[in-house]
PDB file of N, CA and C in Angstrom:
ATOM      1  N   UNK A   1      -9.839 -21.680  51.032  1.00  0.00           N
ATOM      2  CA  UNK A   1      -8.575 -22.016  50.415  1.00  0.00           C
ATOM      3  C   UNK A   1      -8.736 -22.250  48.915  1.00  0.00           C
ATOM      4  N   UNK A   2      -9.799 -22.956  48.552  1.00  0.00           N
ATOM      5  CA  UNK A   2     -10.044 -23.228  47.126  1.00  0.00           C
ATOM      6  C   UNK A   2     -10.291 -21.921  46.363  1.00  0.00           C
ATOM      7  N   UNK A   3     -10.912 -20.960  47.010  1.00  0.00           N
ATOM      8  CA  UNK A   3     -11.178 -19.669  46.383  1.00  0.00           C
ATOM      9  C   UNK A   3      -9.861 -18.965  46.066  1.00  0.00           C
ATOM     10  N   UNK A   4      -8.919 -19.018  46.972  1.00  0.00           N
ATOM     11  CA  UNK A   4      -7.609 -18.404  46.761  1.00  0.00           C
ATOM     12  C   UNK A   4      -6.880 -19.083  45.601  1.00  0.00           C
ATOM     13  N   UNK A   5      -6.923 -20.391  45.558  1.00  0.00           N
ATOM     14  CA  UNK A   5      -6.287 -21.137  44.474  1.00  0.00           C
ATOM     15  C   UNK A   5      -6.939 -20.791  43.140  1.00  0.00           C
ATOM     16  N   UNK A   6      -8.257 -20.719  43.107  1.00  0.00           N
ATOM     17  CA  UNK A   6      -8.978 -20.374  41.879  1.00  0.00           C
ATOM     18  C   UNK A   6      -8.622 -18.964  41.420  1.00  0.00           C
ATOM     19  N   UNK A   7      -8.539 -18.022  42.338  1.00  0.00           N
ATOM     20  CA  UNK A   7      -8.191 -16.647  41.979  1.00  0.00           C
ATOM     21  C   UNK A   7      -6.766 -16.567  41.439  1.00  0.00           C
ATOM     22  N   UNK A   8      -5.856 -17.306  42.055  1.00  0.00           N
ATOM     23  CA  UNK A   8      -4.481 -17.334  41.561  1.00  0.00           C
ATOM     24  C   UNK A   8      -4.414 -17.936  40.162  1.00  0.00           C
ATOM     25  N   UNK A   9      -5.155 -19.001  39.926  1.00  0.00           N
ATOM     26  CA  UNK A   9      -5.182 -19.641  38.612  1.00  0.00           C
ATOM     27  C   UNK A   9      -5.711 -18.680  37.550  1.00  0.00           C
ATOM     28  N   UNK A  10      -6.796 -17.988  37.854  1.00  0.00           N
ATOM     29  CA  UNK A  10      -7.374 -17.022  36.909  1.00  0.00           C
ATOM     30  C   UNK A  10      -6.380 -15.901  36.632  1.00  0.00           C
ATOM     31  N   UNK A  11      -5.728 -15.426  37.680  1.00  0.00           N
ATOM     32  CA  UNK A  11      -4.732 -14.366  37.513  1.00  0.00           C
ATOM     33  C   UNK A  11      -3.561 -14.806  36.662  1.00  0.00           C
ATOM     34  N   UNK A  12      -3.075 -15.996  36.874  1.00  0.00           N
ATOM     35  CA  UNK A  12      -1.949 -16.514  36.099  1.00  0.00           C
ATOM     36  C   UNK A  12      -2.354 -16.758  34.649  1.00  0.00           C
ATOM     37  N   UNK A  13      -3.575 -17.224  34.440  1.00  0.00           N
ATOM     38  CA  UNK A  13      -4.052 -17.468  33.077  1.00  0.00           C
ATOM     39  C   UNK A  13      -4.086 -16.167  32.295  1.00  0.00           C
ATOM     40  N   UNK A  14      -4.610 -15.103  32.886  1.00  0.00           N
ATOM     41  CA  UNK A  14      -4.685 -13.833  32.179  1.00  0.00           C
ATOM     42  C   UNK A  14      -3.299 -13.226  31.987  1.00  0.00           C
ATOM     43  N   UNK A  15      -2.388 -13.488  32.928  1.00  0.00           N
ATOM     44  CA  UNK A  15      -1.026 -12.974  32.813  1.00  0.00           C
ATOM     45  C   UNK A  15      -0.299 -13.588  31.622  1.00  0.00           C
ATOM     46  N   UNK A  16      -0.547 -14.863  31.366  1.00  0.00           N
ATOM     47  CA  UNK A  16       0.117 -15.547  30.268  1.00  0.00           C
ATOM     48  C   UNK A  16      -0.751 -15.661  29.017  1.00  0.00           C
ATOM     49  N   UNK A  17      -1.841 -14.904  28.983  1.00  0.00           N
ATOM     50  CA  UNK A  17      -2.732 -14.937  27.818  1.00  0.00           C
ATOM     51  C   UNK A  17      -1.991 -14.429  26.583  1.00  0.00           C
ATOM     52  N   UNK A  18      -2.366 -14.946  25.457  1.00  0.00           N
ATOM     53  CA  UNK A  18      -1.797 -14.566  24.179  1.00  0.00           C
ATOM     54  C   UNK A  18      -2.079 -13.096  23.878  1.00  0.00           C
ATOM     55  N   UNK A  19      -1.135 -12.396  23.238  1.00  0.00           N
ATOM     56  CA  UNK A  19      -1.297 -10.983  22.887  1.00  0.00           C
ATOM     57  C   UNK A  19      -2.484 -10.748  21.970  1.00  0.00           C
ATOM     58  N   UNK A  20      -2.777 -11.685  21.126  1.00  0.00           N
ATOM     59  CA  UNK A  20      -3.824 -11.523  20.132  1.00  0.00           C
ATOM     60  C   UNK A  20      -3.453 -12.303  18.890  1.00  0.00           C
ATOM     61  N   UNK A  21      -4.151 -12.015  17.849  1.00  0.00           N
ATOM     62  CA  UNK A  21      -3.922 -12.684  16.570  1.00  0.00           C
ATOM     63  C   UNK A  21      -2.799 -11.964  15.819  1.00  0.00           C
ATOM     64  N   UNK A  22      -1.955 -12.704  15.147  1.00  0.00           N
ATOM     65  CA  UNK A  22      -0.872 -12.106  14.356  1.00  0.00           C
ATOM     66  C   UNK A  22      -1.061 -12.464  12.893  1.00  0.00           C
ATOM     67  N   UNK A  23      -0.947 -11.461  12.041  1.00  0.00           N
ATOM     68  CA  UNK A  23      -1.095 -11.631  10.593  1.00  0.00           C
ATOM     69  C   UNK A  23       0.017 -10.874   9.884  1.00  0.00           C
ATOM     70  N   UNK A  24       0.287 -11.265   8.659  1.00  0.00           N
ATOM     71  CA  UNK A  24       1.200 -10.523   7.795  1.00  0.00           C
ATOM     72  C   UNK A  24       0.418  -9.991   6.613  1.00  0.00           C
ATOM     73  N   UNK A  25       0.661  -8.724   6.303  1.00  0.00           N
ATOM     74  CA  UNK A  25      -0.065  -8.030   5.240  1.00  0.00           C
ATOM     75  C   UNK A  25       0.952  -7.427   4.274  1.00  0.00           C
ATOM     76  N   UNK A  26       0.759  -7.646   2.988  1.00  0.00           N
ATOM     77  CA  UNK A  26       1.625  -7.034   1.973  1.00  0.00           C
ATOM     78  C   UNK A  26       1.299  -5.542   1.916  1.00  0.00           C
ATOM     79  N   UNK A  27       2.315  -4.695   2.166  1.00  0.00           N
ATOM     80  CA  UNK A  27       2.141  -3.241   2.121  1.00  0.00           C
ATOM     81  C   UNK A  27       3.291  -2.667   1.299  1.00  0.00           C
ATOM     82  N   UNK A  28       2.952  -1.882   0.297  1.00  0.00           N
ATOM     83  CA  UNK A  28       3.953  -1.322  -0.606  1.00  0.00           C
ATOM     84  C   UNK A  28       4.533  -0.024  -0.057  1.00  0.00           C
ATOM     85  N   UNK A  29       5.838   0.106  -0.153  1.00  0.00           N
ATOM     86  CA  UNK A  29       6.571   1.273   0.307  1.00  0.00           C
ATOM     87  C   UNK A  29       8.045   1.054   0.015  1.00  0.00           C
ATOM     88  N   UNK A  30       8.883   2.010   0.431  1.00  0.00           N
ATOM     89  CA  UNK A  30      10.303   1.917   0.090  1.00  0.00           C
ATOM     90  C   UNK A  30      11.293   2.099   1.224  1.00  0.00           C
ATOM     91  N   UNK A  31      11.050   3.059   2.097  1.00  0.00           N
ATOM     92  CA  UNK A  31      12.144   3.537   2.945  1.00  0.00           C
ATOM     93  C   UNK A  31      11.766   3.629   4.425  1.00  0.00           C
ATOM     94  N   UNK A  32      12.659   4.232   5.191  1.00  0.00           N
ATOM     95  CA  UNK A  32      12.438   4.429   6.610  1.00  0.00           C
ATOM     96  C   UNK A  32      11.245   5.327   6.911  1.00  0.00           C
ATOM     97  N   UNK A  33      11.050   6.342   6.079  1.00  0.00           N
ATOM     98  CA  UNK A  33       9.875   7.203   6.276  1.00  0.00           C
ATOM     99  C   UNK A  33       8.594   6.408   6.052  1.00  0.00           C
ATOM    100  N   UNK A  34       8.615   5.530   5.059  1.00  0.00           N
ATOM    101  CA  UNK A  34       7.457   4.658   4.807  1.00  0.00           C
ATOM    102  C   UNK A  34       7.217   3.766   6.016  1.00  0.00           C
ATOM    103  N   UNK A  35       8.278   3.178   6.540  1.00  0.00           N
ATOM    104  CA  UNK A  35       8.173   2.288   7.697  1.00  0.00           C
ATOM    105  C   UNK A  35       7.487   3.001   8.860  1.00  0.00           C
ATOM    106  N   UNK A  36       7.948   4.201   9.165  1.00  0.00           N
ATOM    107  CA  UNK A  36       7.374   4.976  10.268  1.00  0.00           C
ATOM    108  C   UNK A  36       5.892   5.253  10.024  1.00  0.00           C
ATOM    109  N   UNK A  37       5.561   5.683   8.813  1.00  0.00           N
ATOM    110  CA  UNK A  37       4.183   6.034   8.456  1.00  0.00           C
ATOM    111  C   UNK A  37       3.261   4.811   8.506  1.00  0.00           C
ATOM    112  N   UNK A  38       3.719   3.704   7.937  1.00  0.00           N
ATOM    113  CA  UNK A  38       2.920   2.469   7.887  1.00  0.00           C
ATOM    114  C   UNK A  38       2.669   1.929   9.295  1.00  0.00           C
ATOM    115  N   UNK A  39       3.721   1.850  10.089  1.00  0.00           N
ATOM    116  CA  UNK A  39       3.579   1.319  11.447  1.00  0.00           C
ATOM    117  C   UNK A  39       2.689   2.213  12.307  1.00  0.00           C
ATOM    118  N   UNK A  40       2.844   3.527  12.168  1.00  0.00           N
ATOM    119  CA  UNK A  40       2.017   4.467  12.942  1.00  0.00           C
ATOM    120  C   UNK A  40       0.549   4.327  12.553  1.00  0.00           C
ATOM    121  N   UNK A  41       0.278   4.190  11.253  1.00  0.00           N
ATOM    122  CA  UNK A  41      -1.105   4.035  10.787  1.00  0.00           C
ATOM    123  C   UNK A  41      -1.715   2.745  11.321  1.00  0.00           C
ATOM    124  N   UNK A  42      -0.959   1.668  11.267  1.00  0.00           N
ATOM    125  CA  UNK A  42      -1.471   0.382  11.758  1.00  0.00           C
ATOM    126  C   UNK A  42      -1.741   0.446  13.256  1.00  0.00           C
ATOM    127  N   UNK A  43      -0.820   1.029  14.008  1.00  0.00           N
ATOM    128  CA  UNK A  43      -0.972   1.122  15.463  1.00  0.00           C
ATOM    129  C   UNK A  43      -2.103   2.068  15.875  1.00  0.00           C
ATOM    130  N   UNK A  44      -2.522   2.936  14.966  1.00  0.00           N
ATOM    131  CA  UNK A  44      -3.607   3.869  15.286  1.00  0.00           C
ATOM    132  C   UNK A  44      -4.973   3.170  15.316  1.00  0.00           C
ATOM    133  N   UNK A  45      -5.037   1.969  14.779  1.00  0.00           N
ATOM    134  CA  UNK A  45      -6.287   1.213  14.748  1.00  0.00           C
ATOM    135  C   UNK A  45      -6.516   0.591  16.134  1.00  0.00           C
ATOM    136  N   UNK A  46      -7.690   0.844  16.696  1.00  0.00           N
ATOM    137  CA  UNK A  46      -8.005   0.289  18.008  1.00  0.00           C
ATOM    138  C   UNK A  46      -7.920  -1.232  17.959  1.00  0.00           C
ATOM    139  N   UNK A  47      -7.190  -1.789  18.910  1.00  0.00           N
ATOM    140  CA  UNK A  47      -7.028  -3.237  18.976  1.00  0.00           C
ATOM    141  C   UNK A  47      -5.682  -3.732  18.484  1.00  0.00           C
ATOM    142  N   UNK A  48      -4.938  -2.877  17.768  1.00  0.00           N
ATOM    143  CA  UNK A  48      -3.610  -3.276  17.288  1.00  0.00           C
ATOM    144  C   UNK A  48      -2.593  -3.021  18.399  1.00  0.00           C
ATOM    145  N   UNK A  49      -1.862  -4.057  18.786  1.00  0.00           N
ATOM    146  CA  UNK A  49      -0.875  -3.913  19.852  1.00  0.00           C
ATOM    147  C   UNK A  49       0.561  -3.837  19.325  1.00  0.00           C
ATOM    148  N   UNK A  50       0.818  -4.421  18.157  1.00  0.00           N
ATOM    149  CA  UNK A  50       2.161  -4.399  17.566  1.00  0.00           C
ATOM    150  C   UNK A  50       2.043  -4.272  16.061  1.00  0.00           C
ATOM    151  N   UNK A  51       2.994  -3.545  15.473  1.00  0.00           N
ATOM    152  CA  UNK A  51       3.059  -3.434  14.017  1.00  0.00           C
ATOM    153  C   UNK A  51       4.510  -3.208  13.616  1.00  0.00           C
ATOM    154  N   UNK A  52       5.027  -4.078  12.761  1.00  0.00           N
ATOM    155  CA  UNK A  52       6.395  -3.957  12.273  1.00  0.00           C
ATOM    156  C   UNK A  52       6.403  -4.208  10.774  1.00  0.00           C
ATOM    157  N   UNK A  53       6.908  -3.224  10.021  1.00  0.00           N
ATOM    158  CA  UNK A  53       6.955  -3.343   8.555  1.00  0.00           C
ATOM    159  C   UNK A  53       8.382  -3.624   8.118  1.00  0.00           C
ATOM    160  N   UNK A  54       8.548  -4.640   7.272  1.00  0.00           N
ATOM    161  CA  UNK A  54       9.837  -5.023   6.714  1.00  0.00           C
ATOM    162  C   UNK A  54       9.921  -4.461   5.299  1.00  0.00           C
ATOM    163  N   UNK A  55      10.808  -3.485   5.090  1.00  0.00           N
ATOM    164  CA  UNK A  55      10.924  -2.813   3.785  1.00  0.00           C
ATOM    165  C   UNK A  55      11.405  -3.750   2.685  1.00  0.00           C
ATOM    166  N   UNK A  56      12.252  -4.713   3.015  1.00  0.00           N
ATOM    167  CA  UNK A  56      12.770  -5.645   2.017  1.00  0.00           C
ATOM    168  C   UNK A  56      11.675  -6.573   1.505  1.00  0.00           C
ATOM    169  N   UNK A  57      10.914  -7.116   2.433  1.00  0.00           N
ATOM    170  CA  UNK A  57       9.846  -8.054   2.067  1.00  0.00           C
ATOM    171  C   UNK A  57       8.525  -7.368   1.743  1.00  0.00           C
ATOM    172  N   UNK A  58       8.427  -6.072   2.091  1.00  0.00           N
ATOM    173  CA  UNK A  58       7.176  -5.306   1.916  1.00  0.00           C
ATOM    174  C   UNK A  58       6.028  -5.960   2.699  1.00  0.00           C
ATOM    175  N   UNK A  59       6.361  -6.459   3.891  1.00  0.00           N
ATOM    176  CA  UNK A  59       5.364  -7.142   4.718  1.00  0.00           C
ATOM    177  C   UNK A  59       5.211  -6.438   6.067  1.00  0.00           C
ATOM    178  N   UNK A  60       3.963  -6.230   6.442  1.00  0.00           N
ATOM    179  CA  UNK A  60       3.611  -5.658   7.737  1.00  0.00           C
ATOM    180  C   UNK A  60       3.132  -6.790   8.634  1.00  0.00           C
ATOM    181  N   UNK A  61       3.812  -6.982   9.749  1.00  0.00           N
ATOM    182  CA  UNK A  61       3.405  -7.992  10.717  1.00  0.00           C
ATOM    183  C   UNK A  61       2.659  -7.265  11.833  1.00  0.00           C
ATOM    184  N   UNK A  62       1.396  -7.631  12.031  1.00  0.00           N
ATOM    185  CA  UNK A  62       0.578  -6.977  13.048  1.00  0.00           C
ATOM    186  C   UNK A  62       0.035  -7.994  14.040  1.00  0.00           C
ATOM    187  N   UNK A  63      -0.021  -7.568  15.280  1.00  0.00           N
ATOM    188  CA  UNK A  63      -0.670  -8.336  16.327  1.00  0.00           C
ATOM    189  C   UNK A  63      -1.839  -7.502  16.793  1.00  0.00           C
ATOM    190  N   UNK A  64      -3.020  -8.109  16.829  1.00  0.00           N
ATOM    191  CA  UNK A  64      -4.222  -7.339  17.139  1.00  0.00           C
ATOM    192  C   UNK A  64      -5.259  -8.204  17.841  1.00  0.00           C
ATOM    193  N   UNK A  65      -6.196  -7.525  18.460  1.00  0.00           N
ATOM    194  CA  UNK A  65      -7.316  -8.170  19.124  1.00  0.00           C
ATOM    195  C   UNK A  65      -8.434  -8.288  18.092  1.00  0.00           C
ATOM    196  N   UNK A  66      -8.727  -9.505  17.661  1.00  0.00           N
ATOM    197  CA  UNK A  66      -9.716  -9.688  16.596  1.00  0.00           C
ATOM    198  C   UNK A  66     -11.154  -9.483  17.056  1.00  0.00           C
ATOM    199  N   UNK A  67     -11.352  -9.146  18.337  1.00  0.00           N
ATOM    200  CA  UNK A  67     -12.692  -8.757  18.788  1.00  0.00           C
ATOM    201  C   UNK A  67     -12.883  -7.251  18.642  1.00  0.00           C
ATOM    202  N   UNK A  68     -11.772  -6.523  18.372  1.00  0.00           N
ATOM    203  CA  UNK A  68     -11.839  -5.068  18.250  1.00  0.00           C
ATOM    204  C   UNK A  68     -11.608  -4.562  16.834  1.00  0.00           C
ATOM    205  N   UNK A  69     -10.918  -5.335  16.002  1.00  0.00           N
ATOM    206  CA  UNK A  69     -10.624  -4.870  14.645  1.00  0.00           C
ATOM    207  C   UNK A  69     -10.448  -6.050  13.699  1.00  0.00           C
ATOM    208  N   UNK A  70     -10.232  -5.719  12.430  1.00  0.00           N
ATOM    209  CA  UNK A  70     -10.035  -6.729  11.389  1.00  0.00           C
ATOM    210  C   UNK A  70      -8.811  -6.359  10.552  1.00  0.00           C
ATOM    211  N   UNK A  71      -8.341  -7.306   9.788  1.00  0.00           N
ATOM    212  CA  UNK A  71      -7.227  -7.039   8.871  1.00  0.00           C
ATOM    213  C   UNK A  71      -7.642  -5.959   7.873  1.00  0.00           C
ATOM    214  N   UNK A  72      -8.879  -6.003   7.402  1.00  0.00           N
ATOM    215  CA  UNK A  72      -9.346  -4.999   6.443  1.00  0.00           C
ATOM    216  C   UNK A  72      -9.271  -3.588   7.032  1.00  0.00           C
ATOM    217  N   UNK A  73      -9.657  -3.411   8.276  1.00  0.00           N
ATOM    218  CA  UNK A  73      -9.582  -2.082   8.908  1.00  0.00           C
ATOM    219  C   UNK A  73      -8.136  -1.611   9.015  1.00  0.00           C
ATOM    220  N   UNK A  74      -7.231  -2.531   9.283  1.00  0.00           N
ATOM    221  CA  UNK A  74      -5.809  -2.181   9.354  1.00  0.00           C
ATOM    222  C   UNK A  74      -5.318  -1.770   7.968  1.00  0.00           C
ATOM    223  N   UNK A  75      -5.695  -2.533   6.941  1.00  0.00           N
ATOM    224  CA  UNK A  75      -5.305  -2.198   5.569  1.00  0.00           C
ATOM    225  C   UNK A  75      -5.870  -0.850   5.146  1.00  0.00           C
ATOM    226  N   UNK A  76      -7.099  -0.552   5.535  1.00  0.00           N
ATOM    227  CA  UNK A  76      -7.716   0.741   5.204  1.00  0.00           C
ATOM    228  C   UNK A  76      -6.962   1.891   5.860  1.00  0.00           C
ATOM    229  N   UNK A  77      -6.505   1.712   7.088  1.00  0.00           N
ATOM    230  CA  UNK A  77      -5.740   2.751   7.791  1.00  0.00           C
ATOM    231  C   UNK A  77      -4.403   3.002   7.097  1.00  0.00           C
ATOM    232  N   UNK A  78      -3.755   1.929   6.653  1.00  0.00           N
ATOM    233  CA  UNK A  78      -2.477   2.049   5.957  1.00  0.00           C
ATOM    234  C   UNK A  78      -2.680   2.724   4.594  1.00  0.00           C
ATOM    235  N   UNK A  79      -3.721   2.360   3.887  1.00  0.00           N
ATOM    236  CA  UNK A  79      -4.013   2.970   2.585  1.00  0.00           C
ATOM    237  C   UNK A  79      -4.347   4.456   2.736  1.00  0.00           C
ATOM    238  N   UNK A  80      -4.962   4.813   3.840  1.00  0.00           N
ATOM    239  CA  UNK A  80      -5.350   6.210   4.086  1.00  0.00           C
ATOM    240  C   UNK A  80      -4.135   7.132   4.159  1.00  0.00           C
ATOM    241  N   UNK A  81      -2.957   6.580   4.525  1.00  0.00           N
ATOM    242  CA  UNK A  81      -1.742   7.394   4.592  1.00  0.00           C
ATOM    243  C   UNK A  81      -0.879   7.250   3.334  1.00  0.00           C
ATOM    244  N   UNK A  82      -1.406   6.557   2.308  1.00  0.00           N
ATOM    245  CA  UNK A  82      -0.732   6.530   1.015  1.00  0.00           C
ATOM    246  C   UNK A  82      -0.088   5.235   0.581  1.00  0.00           C
ATOM    247  N   UNK A  83      -0.319   4.158   1.319  1.00  0.00           N
ATOM    248  CA  UNK A  83       0.347   2.894   0.981  1.00  0.00           C
ATOM    249  C   UNK A  83      -0.653   1.817   0.576  1.00  0.00           C
ATOM    250  N   UNK A  84      -0.460   1.288  -0.629  1.00  0.00           N
ATOM    251  CA  UNK A  84      -1.324   0.229  -1.143  1.00  0.00           C
ATOM    252  C   UNK A  84      -1.065  -1.082  -0.418  1.00  0.00           C
ATOM    253  N   UNK A  85      -2.118  -1.890  -0.308  1.00  0.00           N
ATOM    254  CA  UNK A  85      -1.988  -3.280   0.118  1.00  0.00           C
ATOM    255  C   UNK A  85      -2.534  -4.094  -1.052  1.00  0.00           C
ATOM    256  N   UNK A  86      -2.507  -5.395  -0.946  1.00  0.00           N
ATOM    257  CA  UNK A  86      -3.066  -6.206  -2.024  1.00  0.00           C
ATOM    258  C   UNK A  86      -4.587  -6.076  -2.109  1.00  0.00           C
ATOM    259  N   UNK A  87      -5.228  -5.632  -1.012  1.00  0.00           N
ATOM    260  CA  UNK A  87      -6.694  -5.542  -0.983  1.00  0.00           C
ATOM    261  C   UNK A  87      -7.253  -4.132  -1.010  1.00  0.00           C
ATOM    262  N   UNK A  88      -6.453  -3.140  -0.600  1.00  0.00           N
ATOM    263  CA  UNK A  88      -6.939  -1.764  -0.519  1.00  0.00           C
ATOM    264  C   UNK A  88      -5.921  -0.837  -1.174  1.00  0.00           C
ATOM    265  N   UNK A  89      -6.380  -0.060  -2.125  1.00  0.00           N
ATOM    266  CA  UNK A  89      -5.504   0.870  -2.831  1.00  0.00           C
ATOM    267  C   UNK A  89      -5.631   2.261  -2.228  1.00  0.00           C
ATOM    268  N   UNK A  90      -4.495   2.904  -2.024  1.00  0.00           N
ATOM    269  CA  UNK A  90      -4.478   4.271  -1.501  1.00  0.00           C
ATOM    270  C   UNK A  90      -5.057   5.233  -2.531  1.00  0.00           C
ATOM    271  N   UNK A  91      -5.651   6.296  -2.044  1.00  0.00           N
ATOM    272  CA  UNK A  91      -6.162   7.363  -2.902  1.00  0.00           C
ATOM    273  C   UNK A  91      -4.991   7.965  -3.688  1.00  0.00           C
ATOM    274  N   UNK A  92      -5.178   8.216  -4.968  1.00  0.00           N
ATOM    275  CA  UNK A  92      -4.092   8.738  -5.812  1.00  0.00           C
ATOM    276  C   UNK A  92      -3.559  10.074  -5.301  1.00  0.00           C
ATOM    277  N   UNK A  93      -4.423  10.923  -4.808  1.00  0.00           N
ATOM    278  CA  UNK A  93      -4.003  12.235  -4.295  1.00  0.00           C
ATOM    279  C   UNK A  93      -3.088  12.054  -3.079  1.00  0.00           C
ATOM    280  N   UNK A  94      -3.419  11.125  -2.204  1.00  0.00           N
ATOM    281  CA  UNK A  94      -2.598  10.856  -1.022  1.00  0.00           C
ATOM    282  C   UNK A  94      -1.265  10.252  -1.434  1.00  0.00           C
ATOM    283  N   UNK A  95      -1.297   9.306  -2.371  1.00  0.00           N
ATOM    284  CA  UNK A  95      -0.055   8.697  -2.873  1.00  0.00           C
ATOM    285  C   UNK A  95       0.832   9.774  -3.505  1.00  0.00           C
ATOM    286  N   UNK A  96       0.249  10.634  -4.342  1.00  0.00           N
ATOM    287  CA  UNK A  96       1.015  11.676  -5.027  1.00  0.00           C
ATOM    288  C   UNK A  96       1.669  12.658  -4.065  1.00  0.00           C
ATOM    289  N   UNK A  97       1.103  12.819  -2.870  1.00  0.00           N
ATOM    290  CA  UNK A  97       1.637  13.748  -1.868  1.00  0.00           C
ATOM    291  C   UNK A  97       2.803  13.154  -1.067  1.00  0.00           C
ATOM    292  N   UNK A  98       3.072  11.858  -1.242  1.00  0.00           N
ATOM    293  CA  UNK A  98       4.197  11.230  -0.538  1.00  0.00           C
ATOM    294  C   UNK A  98       5.514  11.845  -0.995  1.00  0.00           C
ATOM    295  N   UNK A  99       6.506  11.830  -0.119  1.00  0.00           N
ATOM    296  CA  UNK A  99       7.850  12.282  -0.456  1.00  0.00           C
ATOM    297  C   UNK A  99       8.363  11.448  -1.633  1.00  0.00           C
ATOM    298  N   UNK A 100       9.217  11.999  -2.453  1.00  0.00           N
ATOM    299  CA  UNK A 100       9.732  11.328  -3.647  1.00  0.00           C
ATOM    300  C   UNK A 100      10.294   9.941  -3.409  1.00  0.00           C
ATOM    301  N   UNK A 101      11.062   9.768  -2.325  1.00  0.00           N
ATOM    302  CA  UNK A 101      11.668   8.454  -2.077  1.00  0.00           C
ATOM    303  C   UNK A 101      10.633   7.429  -1.618  1.00  0.00           C
ATOM    304  N   UNK A 102       9.446   7.898  -1.240  1.00  0.00           N
ATOM    305  CA  UNK A 102       8.401   6.993  -0.752  1.00  0.00           C
ATOM    306  C   UNK A 102       7.506   6.486  -1.880  1.00  0.00           C
ATOM    307  N   UNK A 103       7.666   7.040  -3.078  1.00  0.00           N
ATOM    308  CA  UNK A 103       6.804   6.640  -4.189  1.00  0.00           C
ATOM    309  C   UNK A 103       7.267   5.314  -4.776  1.00  0.00           C
ATOM    310  N   UNK A 104       6.583   4.282  -4.365  1.00  0.00           N
ATOM    311  CA  UNK A 104       6.863   2.909  -4.778  1.00  0.00           C
ATOM    312  C   UNK A 104       6.147   2.624  -6.085  1.00  0.00           C
ATOM    313  N   UNK A 105       6.541   1.553  -6.753  1.00  0.00           N
ATOM    314  CA  UNK A 105       5.831   1.114  -7.954  1.00  0.00           C
ATOM    315  C   UNK A 105       4.504   0.541  -7.506  1.00  0.00           C
ATOM    316  N   UNK A 106       3.424   1.150  -7.955  1.00  0.00           N
ATOM    317  CA  UNK A 106       2.099   0.717  -7.518  1.00  0.00           C
ATOM    318  C   UNK A 106       1.708  -0.582  -8.203  1.00  0.00           C
ATOM    319  N   UNK A 107       1.132  -1.501  -7.444  1.00  0.00           N
ATOM    320  CA  UNK A 107       0.707  -2.776  -8.036  1.00  0.00           C
ATOM    321  C   UNK A 107      -0.499  -2.568  -8.947  1.00  0.00           C
ATOM    322  N   UNK A 108      -0.662  -3.465  -9.862  1.00  0.00           N
ATOM    323  CA  UNK A 108      -1.824  -3.429 -10.751  1.00  0.00           C
ATOM    324  C   UNK A 108      -3.100  -3.644  -9.947  1.00  0.00           C
ATOM    325  N   UNK A 109      -4.150  -2.946 -10.310  1.00  0.00           N
ATOM    326  CA  UNK A 109      -5.439  -3.144  -9.635  1.00  0.00           C
ATOM    327  C   UNK A 109      -5.992  -4.503 -10.001  1.00  0.00           C
ATOM    328  N   UNK A 110      -6.708  -5.099  -9.044  1.00  0.00           N
ATOM    329  CA  UNK A 110      -7.325  -6.419  -9.286  1.00  0.00           C
ATOM    330  C   UNK A 110      -8.590  -6.268 -10.069  1.00  0.00           C
TER     331      UNK A 110
END
């Protein structure tokens, strides 16, 4: 009987386990196309379960498994598709290839 109770407890604990760590990352962009590109890039990183970019605030909210990835890896994935973060700058060639409405004012390098 105790074994059944223990198994149920373990099952319920994993069922209500937290999704992962949630962070907000400053990501530069402008429009709906940027939103789609940024979110897709973030979600492509192994361990990321949710990614939502707010165009007004220029903030990407990500939920991820911190045993599988890091904020830096997420920022690198976003920069790879042409969007700067405060820590990782996109390659100029990739930025230049963005659609005209997606070309945001690039932040000054640190």
